[in-house]
């Protein structure tokens, strides 16, 4: 269970109850940019497996048909 400021309590296994989380959705027009930065930062640490995973997620976000400024 984790807590999001916007979405309330979320049941995410492995995350402590009191740990805050930040959710970025594919419809967020800034999300792919954020994932691109995160992907590059991971790659710079040598964690290429995780960077590849984030890169694939970023492509899914870019292909999401609906975009909007976060509310």
PDB file of N, CA and C in Angstrom:
ATOM      1  N   UNK A   1       0.854  -1.171   0.000  1.00  0.00           N
ATOM      2  CA  UNK A   1       0.000   0.000   0.000  1.00  0.00           C
ATOM      3  C   UNK A   1       0.900   1.233   0.000  1.00  0.00           C
ATOM      4  N   UNK A   2       0.578   2.190  -0.822  1.00  0.00           N
ATOM      5  CA  UNK A   2       1.341   3.434  -0.904  1.00  0.00           C
ATOM      6  C   UNK A   2       0.356   4.593  -0.980  1.00  0.00           C
ATOM      7  N   UNK A   3       0.834   5.777  -0.735  1.00  0.00           N
ATOM      8  CA  UNK A   3      -0.048   6.934  -0.747  1.00  0.00           C
ATOM      9  C   UNK A   3       0.378   7.930  -1.813  1.00  0.00           C
ATOM     10  N   UNK A   4      -0.593   8.305  -2.650  1.00  0.00           N
ATOM     11  CA  UNK A   4      -0.397   9.335  -3.661  1.00  0.00           C
ATOM     12  C   UNK A   4      -1.207  10.552  -3.249  1.00  0.00           C
ATOM     13  N   UNK A   5      -0.617  11.714  -3.368  1.00  0.00           N
ATOM     14  CA  UNK A   5      -1.321  12.960  -3.016  1.00  0.00           C
ATOM     15  C   UNK A   5      -2.622  13.099  -3.799  1.00  0.00           C
ATOM     16  N   UNK A   6      -2.602  12.756  -5.082  1.00  0.00           N
ATOM     17  CA  UNK A   6      -3.779  12.927  -5.930  1.00  0.00           C
ATOM     18  C   UNK A   6      -4.722  11.731  -5.903  1.00  0.00           C
ATOM     19  N   UNK A   7      -4.154  10.515  -5.926  1.00  0.00           N
ATOM     20  CA  UNK A   7      -4.971   9.317  -6.092  1.00  0.00           C
ATOM     21  C   UNK A   7      -5.275   8.585  -4.790  1.00  0.00           C
ATOM     22  N   UNK A   8      -4.759   9.073  -3.679  1.00  0.00           N
ATOM     23  CA  UNK A   8      -5.037   8.444  -2.395  1.00  0.00           C
ATOM     24  C   UNK A   8      -4.209   7.192  -2.178  1.00  0.00           C
ATOM     25  N   UNK A   9      -4.810   6.218  -1.492  1.00  0.00           N
ATOM     26  CA  UNK A   9      -4.102   4.983  -1.156  1.00  0.00           C
ATOM     27  C   UNK A   9      -4.107   4.037  -2.342  1.00  0.00           C
ATOM     28  N   UNK A  10      -2.936   3.496  -2.654  1.00  0.00           N
ATOM     29  CA  UNK A  10      -2.767   2.578  -3.778  1.00  0.00           C
ATOM     30  C   UNK A  10      -2.183   1.273  -3.263  1.00  0.00           C
ATOM     31  N   UNK A  11      -2.707   0.170  -3.738  1.00  0.00           N
ATOM     32  CA  UNK A  11      -2.200  -1.134  -3.328  1.00  0.00           C
ATOM     33  C   UNK A  11      -1.093  -1.561  -4.285  1.00  0.00           C
ATOM     34  N   UNK A  12       0.142  -1.261  -3.907  1.00  0.00           N
ATOM     35  CA  UNK A  12       1.304  -1.605  -4.721  1.00  0.00           C
ATOM     36  C   UNK A  12       2.204  -2.492  -3.864  1.00  0.00           C
ATOM     37  N   UNK A  13       2.265  -3.784  -4.176  1.00  0.00           N
ATOM     38  CA  UNK A  13       3.080  -4.697  -3.372  1.00  0.00           C
ATOM     39  C   UNK A  13       4.539  -4.239  -3.299  1.00  0.00           C
ATOM     40  N   UNK A  14       5.113  -4.372  -2.120  1.00  0.00           N
ATOM     41  CA  UNK A  14       6.521  -4.042  -1.935  1.00  0.00           C
ATOM     42  C   UNK A  14       6.795  -2.599  -1.568  1.00  0.00           C
ATOM     43  N   UNK A  15       5.764  -1.757  -1.566  1.00  0.00           N
ATOM     44  CA  UNK A  15       5.950  -0.356  -1.181  1.00  0.00           C
ATOM     45  C   UNK A  15       5.332  -0.167   0.201  1.00  0.00           C
ATOM     46  N   UNK A  16       6.107   0.339   1.157  1.00  0.00           N
ATOM     47  CA  UNK A  16       5.582   0.535   2.506  1.00  0.00           C
ATOM     48  C   UNK A  16       4.349   1.447   2.523  1.00  0.00           C
ATOM     49  N   UNK A  17       3.488   1.217   3.486  1.00  0.00           N
ATOM     50  CA  UNK A  17       2.232   1.956   3.610  1.00  0.00           C
ATOM     51  C   UNK A  17       2.436   3.465   3.652  1.00  0.00           C
ATOM     52  N   UNK A  18       3.460   3.911   4.351  1.00  0.00           N
ATOM     53  CA  UNK A  18       3.649   5.355   4.530  1.00  0.00           C
ATOM     54  C   UNK A  18       4.576   5.989   3.488  1.00  0.00           C
ATOM     55  N   UNK A  19       5.012   5.204   2.495  1.00  0.00           N
ATOM     56  CA  UNK A  19       5.912   5.773   1.483  1.00  0.00           C
ATOM     57  C   UNK A  19       5.119   6.531   0.423  1.00  0.00           C
ATOM     58  N   UNK A  20       5.421   7.810   0.215  1.00  0.00           N
ATOM     59  CA  UNK A  20       4.720   8.553  -0.833  1.00  0.00           C
ATOM     60  C   UNK A  20       5.177   8.089  -2.218  1.00  0.00           C
ATOM     61  N   UNK A  21       4.277   8.155  -3.168  1.00  0.00           N
ATOM     62  CA  UNK A  21       4.597   7.807  -4.556  1.00  0.00           C
ATOM     63  C   UNK A  21       4.155   8.950  -5.459  1.00  0.00           C
ATOM     64  N   UNK A  22       4.783   9.021  -6.612  1.00  0.00           N
ATOM     65  CA  UNK A  22       4.436  10.032  -7.607  1.00  0.00           C
ATOM     66  C   UNK A  22       4.089   9.286  -8.881  1.00  0.00           C
ATOM     67  N   UNK A  23       2.908   9.511  -9.405  1.00  0.00           N
ATOM     68  CA  UNK A  23       2.430   8.782 -10.574  1.00  0.00           C
ATOM     69  C   UNK A  23       2.471   9.691 -11.798  1.00  0.00           C
ATOM     70  N   UNK A  24       3.078   9.182 -12.859  1.00  0.00           N
ATOM     71  CA  UNK A  24       3.089   9.886 -14.135  1.00  0.00           C
ATOM     72  C   UNK A  24       2.295   9.033 -15.108  1.00  0.00           C
ATOM     73  N   UNK A  25       1.276   9.621 -15.706  1.00  0.00           N
ATOM     74  CA  UNK A  25       0.411   8.887 -16.630  1.00  0.00           C
ATOM     75  C   UNK A  25       0.783   9.195 -18.073  1.00  0.00           C
ATOM     76  N   UNK A  26       0.475   8.247 -18.963  1.00  0.00           N
ATOM     77  CA  UNK A  26       0.794   8.401 -20.383  1.00  0.00           C
ATOM     78  C   UNK A  26       0.107   9.614 -20.997  1.00  0.00           C
ATOM     79  N   UNK A  27      -1.043  10.005 -20.474  1.00  0.00           N
ATOM     80  CA  UNK A  27      -1.761  11.154 -21.034  1.00  0.00           C
ATOM     81  C   UNK A  27      -1.110  12.489 -20.667  1.00  0.00           C
ATOM     82  N   UNK A  28      -0.200  12.479 -19.708  1.00  0.00           N
ATOM     83  CA  UNK A  28       0.504  13.692 -19.300  1.00  0.00           C
ATOM     84  C   UNK A  28       1.469  14.099 -20.419  1.00  0.00           C
ATOM     85  N   UNK A  29       1.316  15.288 -20.953  1.00  0.00           N
ATOM     86  CA  UNK A  29       2.126  15.719 -22.098  1.00  0.00           C
ATOM     87  C   UNK A  29       3.614  15.839 -21.762  1.00  0.00           C
ATOM     88  N   UNK A  30       3.969  15.850 -20.486  1.00  0.00           N
ATOM     89  CA  UNK A  30       5.370  15.935 -20.078  1.00  0.00           C
ATOM     90  C   UNK A  30       5.972  14.575 -19.717  1.00  0.00           C
ATOM     91  N   UNK A  31       5.164  13.538 -19.654  1.00  0.00           N
ATOM     92  CA  UNK A  31       5.587  12.241 -19.118  1.00  0.00           C
ATOM     93  C   UNK A  31       6.727  11.604 -19.903  1.00  0.00           C
ATOM     94  N   UNK A  32       6.633  11.563 -21.215  1.00  0.00           N
ATOM     95  CA  UNK A  32       7.682  10.919 -22.015  1.00  0.00           C
ATOM     96  C   UNK A  32       9.016  11.649 -21.841  1.00  0.00           C
ATOM     97  N   UNK A  33       8.974  12.969 -21.711  1.00  0.00           N
ATOM     98  CA  UNK A  33      10.186  13.758 -21.480  1.00  0.00           C
ATOM     99  C   UNK A  33      10.825  13.370 -20.146  1.00  0.00           C
ATOM    100  N   UNK A  34      10.003  13.232 -19.118  1.00  0.00           N
ATOM    101  CA  UNK A  34      10.490  12.830 -17.791  1.00  0.00           C
ATOM    102  C   UNK A  34      11.123  11.444 -17.861  1.00  0.00           C
ATOM    103  N   UNK A  35      10.443  10.517 -18.549  1.00  0.00           N
ATOM    104  CA  UNK A  35      10.974   9.161 -18.684  1.00  0.00           C
ATOM    105  C   UNK A  35      12.270   9.147 -19.491  1.00  0.00           C
ATOM    106  N   UNK A  36      12.392  10.025 -20.463  1.00  0.00           N
ATOM    107  CA  UNK A  36      13.617  10.116 -21.253  1.00  0.00           C
ATOM    108  C   UNK A  36      14.796  10.523 -20.367  1.00  0.00           C
ATOM    109  N   UNK A  37      14.585  11.499 -19.521  1.00  0.00           N
ATOM    110  CA  UNK A  37      15.636  11.937 -18.592  1.00  0.00           C
ATOM    111  C   UNK A  37      15.995  10.804 -17.631  1.00  0.00           C
ATOM    112  N   UNK A  38      14.990  10.148 -17.080  1.00  0.00           N
ATOM    113  CA  UNK A  38      15.209   9.045 -16.135  1.00  0.00           C
ATOM    114  C   UNK A  38      15.972   7.909 -16.813  1.00  0.00           C
ATOM    115  N   UNK A  39      15.582   7.587 -18.040  1.00  0.00           N
ATOM    116  CA  UNK A  39      16.231   6.553 -18.848  1.00  0.00           C
ATOM    117  C   UNK A  39      17.720   6.876 -19.023  1.00  0.00           C
ATOM    118  N   UNK A  40      18.030   8.107 -19.383  1.00  0.00           N
ATOM    119  CA  UNK A  40      19.424   8.515 -19.596  1.00  0.00           C
ATOM    120  C   UNK A  40      20.224   8.500 -18.296  1.00  0.00           C
ATOM    121  N   UNK A  41      19.598   8.906 -17.197  1.00  0.00           N
ATOM    122  CA  UNK A  41      20.282   8.882 -15.905  1.00  0.00           C
ATOM    123  C   UNK A  41      20.594   7.446 -15.489  1.00  0.00           C
ATOM    124  N   UNK A  42      19.638   6.539 -15.687  1.00  0.00           N
ATOM    125  CA  UNK A  42      19.886   5.131 -15.371  1.00  0.00           C
ATOM    126  C   UNK A  42      21.010   4.566 -16.226  1.00  0.00           C
ATOM    127  N   UNK A  43      20.971   4.846 -17.511  1.00  0.00           N
ATOM    128  CA  UNK A  43      22.001   4.346 -18.423  1.00  0.00           C
ATOM    129  C   UNK A  43      23.384   4.848 -18.003  1.00  0.00           C
ATOM    130  N   UNK A  44      23.458   6.081 -17.509  1.00  0.00           N
ATOM    131  CA  UNK A  44      24.751   6.645 -17.101  1.00  0.00           C
ATOM    132  C   UNK A  44      25.333   5.942 -15.880  1.00  0.00           C
ATOM    133  N   UNK A  45      24.502   5.234 -15.124  1.00  0.00           N
ATOM    134  CA  UNK A  45      24.985   4.481 -13.959  1.00  0.00           C
ATOM    135  C   UNK A  45      25.424   3.076 -14.347  1.00  0.00           C
ATOM    136  N   UNK A  46      25.183   2.710 -15.605  1.00  0.00           N
ATOM    137  CA  UNK A  46      25.509   1.367 -16.061  1.00  0.00           C
ATOM    138  C   UNK A  46      24.360   0.389 -15.924  1.00  0.00           C
ATOM    139  N   UNK A  47      23.231   0.852 -15.414  1.00  0.00           N
ATOM    140  CA  UNK A  47      22.060  -0.013 -15.233  1.00  0.00           C
ATOM    141  C   UNK A  47      21.282  -0.078 -16.548  1.00  0.00           C
ATOM    142  N   UNK A  48      21.870  -0.720 -17.537  1.00  0.00           N
ATOM    143  CA  UNK A  48      21.271  -0.731 -18.875  1.00  0.00           C
ATOM    144  C   UNK A  48      20.003  -1.568 -18.954  1.00  0.00           C
ATOM    145  N   UNK A  49      19.881  -2.611 -18.137  1.00  0.00           N
ATOM    146  CA  UNK A  49      18.654  -3.427 -18.159  1.00  0.00           C
ATOM    147  C   UNK A  49      17.452  -2.584 -17.745  1.00  0.00           C
ATOM    148  N   UNK A  50      17.583  -1.844 -16.661  1.00  0.00           N
ATOM    149  CA  UNK A  50      16.482  -0.997 -16.196  1.00  0.00           C
ATOM    150  C   UNK A  50      16.268   0.159 -17.167  1.00  0.00           C
ATOM    151  N   UNK A  51      17.347   0.705 -17.721  1.00  0.00           N
ATOM    152  CA  UNK A  51      17.228   1.794 -18.695  1.00  0.00           C
ATOM    153  C   UNK A  51      16.467   1.319 -19.927  1.00  0.00           C
ATOM    154  N   UNK A  52      16.737   0.100 -20.380  1.00  0.00           N
ATOM    155  CA  UNK A  52      16.010  -0.458 -21.527  1.00  0.00           C
ATOM    156  C   UNK A  52      14.524  -0.603 -21.212  1.00  0.00           C
ATOM    157  N   UNK A  53      14.220  -1.017 -19.983  1.00  0.00           N
ATOM    158  CA  UNK A  53      12.822  -1.159 -19.560  1.00  0.00           C
ATOM    159  C   UNK A  53      12.116   0.199 -19.578  1.00  0.00           C
ATOM    160  N   UNK A  54      12.773   1.214 -19.041  1.00  0.00           N
ATOM    161  CA  UNK A  54      12.198   2.561 -19.020  1.00  0.00           C
ATOM    162  C   UNK A  54      12.044   3.088 -20.446  1.00  0.00           C
ATOM    163  N   UNK A  55      13.003   2.806 -21.314  1.00  0.00           N
ATOM    164  CA  UNK A  55      12.916   3.240 -22.714  1.00  0.00           C
ATOM    165  C   UNK A  55      11.672   2.647 -23.388  1.00  0.00           C
ATOM    166  N   UNK A  56      11.395   1.382 -23.146  1.00  0.00           N
ATOM    167  CA  UNK A  56      10.207   0.736 -23.726  1.00  0.00           C
ATOM    168  C   UNK A  56       8.921   1.378 -23.199  1.00  0.00           C
ATOM    169  N   UNK A  57       8.906   1.675 -21.909  1.00  0.00           N
ATOM    170  CA  UNK A  57       7.736   2.340 -21.323  1.00  0.00           C
ATOM    171  C   UNK A  57       7.564   3.723 -21.951  1.00  0.00           C
ATOM    172  N   UNK A  58       8.676   4.433 -22.141  1.00  0.00           N
ATOM    173  CA  UNK A  58       8.624   5.760 -22.770  1.00  0.00           C
ATOM    174  C   UNK A  58       7.999   5.681 -24.162  1.00  0.00           C
ATOM    175  N   UNK A  59       8.367   4.668 -24.934  1.00  0.00           N
ATOM    176  CA  UNK A  59       7.781   4.498 -26.271  1.00  0.00           C
ATOM    177  C   UNK A  59       6.277   4.257 -26.185  1.00  0.00           C
ATOM    178  N   UNK A  60       5.844   3.472 -25.205  1.00  0.00           N
ATOM    179  CA  UNK A  60       4.405   3.270 -24.994  1.00  0.00           C
ATOM    180  C   UNK A  60       3.720   4.598 -24.672  1.00  0.00           C
ATOM    181  N   UNK A  61       4.368   5.408 -23.845  1.00  0.00           N
ATOM    182  CA  UNK A  61       3.812   6.719 -23.497  1.00  0.00           C
ATOM    183  C   UNK A  61       3.716   7.604 -24.738  1.00  0.00           C
ATOM    184  N   UNK A  62       4.763   7.607 -25.559  1.00  0.00           N
ATOM    185  CA  UNK A  62       4.751   8.431 -26.773  1.00  0.00           C
ATOM    186  C   UNK A  62       3.636   8.016 -27.728  1.00  0.00           C
ATOM    187  N   UNK A  63       3.317   6.738 -27.740  1.00  0.00           N
ATOM    188  CA  UNK A  63       2.276   6.228 -28.633  1.00  0.00           C
ATOM    189  C   UNK A  63       0.867   6.350 -28.065  1.00  0.00           C
ATOM    190  N   UNK A  64       0.752   6.793 -26.822  1.00  0.00           N
ATOM    191  CA  UNK A  64      -0.573   6.965 -26.223  1.00  0.00           C
ATOM    192  C   UNK A  64      -1.294   8.084 -26.974  1.00  0.00           C
ATOM    193  N   UNK A  65      -2.526   7.833 -27.435  1.00  0.00           N
ATOM    194  CA  UNK A  65      -3.185   8.784 -28.339  1.00  0.00           C
ATOM    195  C   UNK A  65      -3.650  10.096 -27.708  1.00  0.00           C
ATOM    196  N   UNK A  66      -3.940  10.097 -26.424  1.00  0.00           N
ATOM    197  CA  UNK A  66      -4.506  11.291 -25.794  1.00  0.00           C
ATOM    198  C   UNK A  66      -3.468  11.952 -24.901  1.00  0.00           C
ATOM    199  N   UNK A  67      -3.230  13.231 -25.128  1.00  0.00           N
ATOM    200  CA  UNK A  67      -2.279  13.987 -24.310  1.00  0.00           C
ATOM    201  C   UNK A  67      -2.972  15.228 -23.755  1.00  0.00           C
ATOM    202  N   UNK A  68      -2.560  15.610 -22.536  1.00  0.00           N
ATOM    203  CA  UNK A  68      -3.091  16.838 -21.949  1.00  0.00           C
ATOM    204  C   UNK A  68      -2.118  17.362 -20.910  1.00  0.00           C
ATOM    205  N   UNK A  69      -2.278  18.613 -20.566  1.00  0.00           N
ATOM    206  CA  UNK A  69      -1.508  19.202 -19.476  1.00  0.00           C
ATOM    207  C   UNK A  69      -2.087  18.646 -18.183  1.00  0.00           C
ATOM    208  N   UNK A  70      -1.231  18.224 -17.246  1.00  0.00           N
ATOM    209  CA  UNK A  70      -1.736  17.644 -16.001  1.00  0.00           C
ATOM    210  C   UNK A  70      -2.632  18.616 -15.237  1.00  0.00           C
ATOM    211  N   UNK A  71      -3.632  18.039 -14.591  1.00  0.00           N
ATOM    212  CA  UNK A  71      -4.518  18.881 -13.767  1.00  0.00           C
ATOM    213  C   UNK A  71      -4.254  18.669 -12.301  1.00  0.00           C
TER     214      UNK A  71
END
